[in-house]
Amino acid sequence: MHTEWKAGIGYFRAKKLPVIQIKEVHRADMVDFGRELDGSEGIHCMENSPYTDYAWLTYPLEGEYRISKRRYSAFFGTDLEILLKGLRVDTLYLIGGLTDVCIHYTAVDAHQHDYHIRVVTDAVAGSSKEAHQYALKAIQYLQRDALINTADLEEV
């Protein structure tokens, strides 16, 4: 899966298109988890952990935008909307994980903000195969053209 992430992000890098890297990070005292721990997930993405960083295979390059978020959606409580407006973006291409969590909630919020959504299906991964498939189906319900794969990127 990670090779598809690299191929997906590599396409945008080669075309010199804006790349926005997003990571979830929580404070050491856990005051920013909210209801997040009520579900299946345990404590994760702690700011003082060496494992809370961008994926090494697709680590941000100089000039790429970086956003830290405290919730699943990259829109919630971040400056993503300001950045997208400044870049004059109308379509978001989503790569990474988890399909049924961060990808799904970011896609829903992108839809609510009137962005076109493109989820690169062979460059995302879910918490399980079933959860991955259900999330993709829910995203496609919002926008029928939302699901693409890395081969489709050649048409961008």
C-alpha atoms as a PDB file:
ATOM      1  CA  MET A   1       0.000   0.000   0.000  1.00  0.00           C
ATOM      2  CA  HIS A   2       2.702   2.479   0.912  1.00  0.00           C
ATOM      3  CA  THR A   3       4.228   2.237  -2.568  1.00  0.00           C
ATOM      4  CA  GLU A   4       0.926   3.470  -3.993  1.00  0.00           C
ATOM      5  CA  TRP A   5       1.005   6.357  -1.483  1.00  0.00           C
ATOM      6  CA  LYS A   6       4.449   7.244  -2.766  1.00  0.00           C
ATOM      7  CA  ALA A   7       3.346   6.914  -6.399  1.00  0.00           C
ATOM      8  CA  GLY A   8       0.276   9.049  -5.742  1.00  0.00           C
ATOM      9  CA  ILE A   9       2.103  11.840  -3.979  1.00  0.00           C
ATOM     10  CA  GLY A  10       4.967  11.533  -6.470  1.00  0.00           C
ATOM     11  CA  TYR A  11       2.591  12.365  -9.285  1.00  0.00           C
ATOM     12  CA  PHE A  12       1.598  15.668  -7.681  1.00  0.00           C
ATOM     13  CA  ARG A  13       5.202  16.470  -6.815  1.00  0.00           C
ATOM     14  CA  ALA A  14       6.331  15.827 -10.404  1.00  0.00           C
ATOM     15  CA  LYS A  15       3.583  18.121 -11.740  1.00  0.00           C
ATOM     16  CA  LYS A  16       4.607  20.799  -9.189  1.00  0.00           C
ATOM     17  CA  LEU A  17       1.058  20.840  -7.814  1.00  0.00           C
ATOM     18  CA  PRO A  18       0.475  21.880  -4.196  1.00  0.00           C
ATOM     19  CA  VAL A  19       0.949  19.062  -1.699  1.00  0.00           C
ATOM     20  CA  ILE A  20      -0.566  19.451   1.738  1.00  0.00           C
ATOM     21  CA  GLN A  21       0.619  16.953   4.325  1.00  0.00           C
ATOM     22  CA  ILE A  22      -1.655  16.464   7.311  1.00  0.00           C
ATOM     23  CA  LYS A  23      -0.998  14.624  10.554  1.00  0.00           C
ATOM     24  CA  GLU A  24      -3.041  14.040  13.669  1.00  0.00           C
ATOM     25  CA  VAL A  25      -1.327  14.998  16.904  1.00  0.00           C
ATOM     26  CA  HIS A  26      -2.576  15.216  20.485  1.00  0.00           C
ATOM     27  CA  ARG A  27      -1.228  17.051  23.516  1.00  0.00           C
ATOM     28  CA  ALA A  28       0.584  15.093  26.214  1.00  0.00           C
ATOM     29  CA  ASP A  29      -2.118  15.887  28.798  1.00  0.00           C
ATOM     30  CA  MET A  30      -4.793  14.571  26.356  1.00  0.00           C
ATOM     31  CA  VAL A  31      -7.129  17.546  26.796  1.00  0.00           C
ATOM     32  CA  ASP A  32      -7.804  17.657  23.050  1.00  0.00           C
ATOM     33  CA  PHE A  33      -9.100  14.096  22.520  1.00  0.00           C
ATOM     34  CA  GLY A  34     -12.716  15.005  23.209  1.00  0.00           C
ATOM     35  CA  ARG A  35     -15.041  12.071  22.414  1.00  0.00           C
ATOM     36  CA  GLU A  36     -12.424  10.400  20.192  1.00  0.00           C
ATOM     37  CA  LEU A  37     -11.533   7.773  22.808  1.00  0.00           C
ATOM     38  CA  ASP A  38     -15.196   6.712  23.151  1.00  0.00           C
ATOM     39  CA  GLY A  39     -14.858   4.525  20.039  1.00  0.00           C
ATOM     40  CA  SER A  40     -12.532   1.688  19.119  1.00  0.00           C
ATOM     41  CA  GLU A  41      -9.321   3.706  19.137  1.00  0.00           C
ATOM     42  CA  GLY A  42      -7.066   3.957  22.128  1.00  0.00           C
ATOM     43  CA  ILE A  43      -4.637   6.733  22.908  1.00  0.00           C
ATOM     44  CA  HIS A  44      -2.715   7.598  19.732  1.00  0.00           C
ATOM     45  CA  CYS A  45      -0.749  10.312  17.904  1.00  0.00           C
ATOM     46  CA  MET A  46       0.732  11.848  21.036  1.00  0.00           C
ATOM     47  CA  GLU A  47       2.887  14.932  20.410  1.00  0.00           C
ATOM     48  CA  ASN A  48       5.726  13.578  22.547  1.00  0.00           C
ATOM     49  CA  SER A  49       5.892  10.249  20.679  1.00  0.00           C
ATOM     50  CA  PRO A  50       8.519   9.553  18.006  1.00  0.00           C
ATOM     51  CA  TYR A  51       5.784   7.646  16.102  1.00  0.00           C
ATOM     52  CA  THR A  52       3.685  10.789  15.658  1.00  0.00           C
ATOM     53  CA  ASP A  53       5.236  12.142  12.517  1.00  0.00           C
ATOM     54  CA  TYR A  54       4.534  12.231   8.830  1.00  0.00           C
ATOM     55  CA  ALA A  55       4.896   8.910   7.010  1.00  0.00           C
ATOM     56  CA  TRP A  56       8.573   8.330   6.249  1.00  0.00           C
ATOM     57  CA  LEU A  57       7.915   7.139   2.692  1.00  0.00           C
ATOM     58  CA  THR A  58       6.060  10.327   1.787  1.00  0.00           C
ATOM     59  CA  TYR A  59       7.731  12.698   4.235  1.00  0.00           C
ATOM     60  CA  PRO A  60       7.054  16.370   3.372  1.00  0.00           C
ATOM     61  CA  LEU A  61       9.570  17.996   1.080  1.00  0.00           C
ATOM     62  CA  GLU A  62      10.693  21.599   1.241  1.00  0.00           C
ATOM     63  CA  GLY A  63       7.851  23.815   0.024  1.00  0.00           C
ATOM     64  CA  GLU A  64       5.054  21.384   0.855  1.00  0.00           C
ATOM     65  CA  TYR A  65       2.420  22.561   3.272  1.00  0.00           C
ATOM     66  CA  ARG A  66       2.082  20.922   6.691  1.00  0.00           C
ATOM     67  CA  ILE A  67      -0.977  20.927   8.890  1.00  0.00           C
ATOM     68  CA  SER A  68      -1.392  19.360  12.312  1.00  0.00           C
ATOM     69  CA  LYS A  69      -4.912  18.448  13.348  1.00  0.00           C
ATOM     70  CA  ARG A  70      -6.503  17.395  16.618  1.00  0.00           C
ATOM     71  CA  ARG A  71      -9.548  15.637  15.177  1.00  0.00           C
ATOM     72  CA  TYR A  72     -10.245  13.219  12.324  1.00  0.00           C
ATOM     73  CA  SER A  73     -11.241  15.855   9.779  1.00  0.00           C
ATOM     74  CA  ALA A  74      -8.422  17.984   8.392  1.00  0.00           C
ATOM     75  CA  PHE A  75     -10.891  20.885   8.264  1.00  0.00           C
ATOM     76  CA  PHE A  76     -11.895  20.846  11.940  1.00  0.00           C
ATOM     77  CA  GLY A  77      -9.996  23.455  13.938  1.00  0.00           C
ATOM     78  CA  THR A  78      -7.194  23.913  11.382  1.00  0.00           C
ATOM     79  CA  ASP A  79      -6.283  26.542   8.797  1.00  0.00           C
ATOM     80  CA  LEU A  80      -6.843  24.131   5.881  1.00  0.00           C
ATOM     81  CA  GLU A  81      -9.745  26.165   4.485  1.00  0.00           C
ATOM     82  CA  ILE A  82      -7.648  29.360   4.443  1.00  0.00           C
ATOM     83  CA  LEU A  83      -4.810  27.513   2.699  1.00  0.00           C
ATOM     84  CA  LEU A  84      -7.094  25.955   0.077  1.00  0.00           C
ATOM     85  CA  LYS A  85      -8.707  29.308  -0.702  1.00  0.00           C
ATOM     86  CA  GLY A  86      -5.286  30.957  -0.999  1.00  0.00           C
ATOM     87  CA  LEU A  87      -4.140  28.222  -3.391  1.00  0.00           C
ATOM     88  CA  ARG A  88      -7.423  28.500  -5.338  1.00  0.00           C
ATOM     89  CA  VAL A  89      -8.036  24.777  -4.997  1.00  0.00           C
ATOM     90  CA  ASP A  90     -11.360  23.322  -6.105  1.00  0.00           C
ATOM     91  CA  THR A  91     -10.536  19.595  -6.058  1.00  0.00           C
ATOM     92  CA  LEU A  92      -8.918  17.606  -3.239  1.00  0.00           C
ATOM     93  CA  TYR A  93      -7.041  14.379  -3.944  1.00  0.00           C
ATOM     94  CA  LEU A  94      -6.879  12.275  -0.791  1.00  0.00           C
ATOM     95  CA  ILE A  95      -4.097   9.754  -0.163  1.00  0.00           C
ATOM     96  CA  GLY A  96      -3.139   7.964   3.063  1.00  0.00           C
ATOM     97  CA  GLY A  97      -5.086   6.523   5.927  1.00  0.00           C
ATOM     98  CA  LEU A  98      -7.298   5.621   7.478  1.00  0.00           C
ATOM     99  CA  THR A  99     -10.011   5.464   4.817  1.00  0.00           C
ATOM    100  CA  ASP A 100     -12.804   4.905   7.328  1.00  0.00           C
ATOM    101  CA  VAL A 101     -11.612   7.594   9.709  1.00  0.00           C
ATOM    102  CA  CYS A 102      -9.510  10.591   8.632  1.00  0.00           C
ATOM    103  CA  ILE A 103     -10.015  10.193   4.872  1.00  0.00           C
ATOM    104  CA  HIS A 104     -13.772   9.758   5.273  1.00  0.00           C
ATOM    105  CA  TYR A 105     -14.311  12.682   7.639  1.00  0.00           C
ATOM    106  CA  THR A 106     -12.065  14.986   5.641  1.00  0.00           C
ATOM    107  CA  ALA A 107     -13.903  14.001   2.445  1.00  0.00           C
ATOM    108  CA  VAL A 108     -17.280  14.712   4.054  1.00  0.00           C
ATOM    109  CA  ASP A 109     -16.135  18.135   5.257  1.00  0.00           C
ATOM    110  CA  ALA A 110     -14.584  18.886   1.850  1.00  0.00           C
ATOM    111  CA  HIS A 111     -17.941  18.053   0.272  1.00  0.00           C
ATOM    112  CA  GLN A 112     -19.748  20.296   2.761  1.00  0.00           C
ATOM    113  CA  HIS A 113     -17.326  23.106   1.790  1.00  0.00           C
ATOM    114  CA  ASP A 114     -18.179  22.535  -1.916  1.00  0.00           C
ATOM    115  CA  TYR A 115     -14.862  20.998  -2.983  1.00  0.00           C
ATOM    116  CA  HIS A 116     -14.654  18.184  -5.498  1.00  0.00           C
ATOM    117  CA  ILE A 117     -13.310  15.033  -3.847  1.00  0.00           C
ATOM    118  CA  ARG A 118     -11.012  12.454  -5.415  1.00  0.00           C
ATOM    119  CA  VAL A 119      -9.970   9.555  -3.211  1.00  0.00           C
ATOM    120  CA  VAL A 120      -7.101   7.617  -4.773  1.00  0.00           C
ATOM    121  CA  THR A 121      -8.442   4.190  -3.819  1.00  0.00           C
ATOM    122  CA  ASP A 122      -5.216   2.225  -4.271  1.00  0.00           C
ATOM    123  CA  ALA A 123      -3.338   4.824  -2.209  1.00  0.00           C
ATOM    124  CA  VAL A 124      -5.560   4.744   0.890  1.00  0.00           C
ATOM    125  CA  ALA A 125      -5.960   2.100   3.570  1.00  0.00           C
ATOM    126  CA  GLY A 126      -8.599   1.465   6.190  1.00  0.00           C
ATOM    127  CA  SER A 127      -8.667  -0.024   9.666  1.00  0.00           C
ATOM    128  CA  SER A 128     -10.045  -3.188   8.037  1.00  0.00           C
ATOM    129  CA  LYS A 129     -10.900  -4.250   4.496  1.00  0.00           C
ATOM    130  CA  GLU A 130     -14.618  -4.050   5.289  1.00  0.00           C
ATOM    131  CA  ALA A 131     -14.373  -0.610   6.912  1.00  0.00           C
ATOM    132  CA  HIS A 132     -12.290   0.607   3.952  1.00  0.00           C
ATOM    133  CA  GLN A 133     -14.940  -0.549   1.460  1.00  0.00           C
ATOM    134  CA  TYR A 134     -17.835   0.943   3.435  1.00  0.00           C
ATOM    135  CA  ALA A 135     -16.046   4.292   3.705  1.00  0.00           C
ATOM    136  CA  LEU A 136     -15.361   4.385  -0.038  1.00  0.00           C
ATOM    137  CA  LYS A 137     -19.014   3.583  -0.713  1.00  0.00           C
ATOM    138  CA  ALA A 138     -20.132   6.397   1.616  1.00  0.00           C
ATOM    139  CA  ILE A 139     -17.764   8.882  -0.055  1.00  0.00           C
ATOM    140  CA  GLN A 140     -18.966   7.854  -3.519  1.00  0.00           C
ATOM    141  CA  TYR A 141     -22.527   8.421  -2.341  1.00  0.00           C
ATOM    142  CA  LEU A 142     -21.610  12.086  -1.805  1.00  0.00           C
ATOM    143  CA  GLN A 143     -19.863  12.503  -5.163  1.00  0.00           C
ATOM    144  CA  ARG A 144     -20.265   9.822  -7.821  1.00  0.00           C
ATOM    145  CA  ASP A 145     -16.870  10.637  -9.418  1.00  0.00           C
ATOM    146  CA  ALA A 146     -14.979  10.639  -6.106  1.00  0.00           C
ATOM    147  CA  LEU A 147     -13.192   7.303  -6.486  1.00  0.00           C
ATOM    148  CA  ILE A 148     -10.147   7.068  -8.721  1.00  0.00           C
ATOM    149  CA  ASN A 149      -6.880   5.119  -8.691  1.00  0.00           C
ATOM    150  CA  THR A 150      -3.251   6.012  -9.327  1.00  0.00           C
ATOM    151  CA  ALA A 151      -3.593   5.160 -13.034  1.00  0.00           C
ATOM    152  CA  ASP A 152      -6.364   7.775 -13.289  1.00  0.00           C
ATOM    153  CA  LEU A 153      -3.976  10.483 -12.101  1.00  0.00           C
ATOM    154  CA  GLU A 154      -2.518  10.701 -15.605  1.00  0.00           C
ATOM    155  CA  GLU A 155      -5.755  12.469 -16.580  1.00  0.00           C
ATOM    156  CA  VAL A 156      -5.311  15.209 -13.960  1.00  0.00           C
END
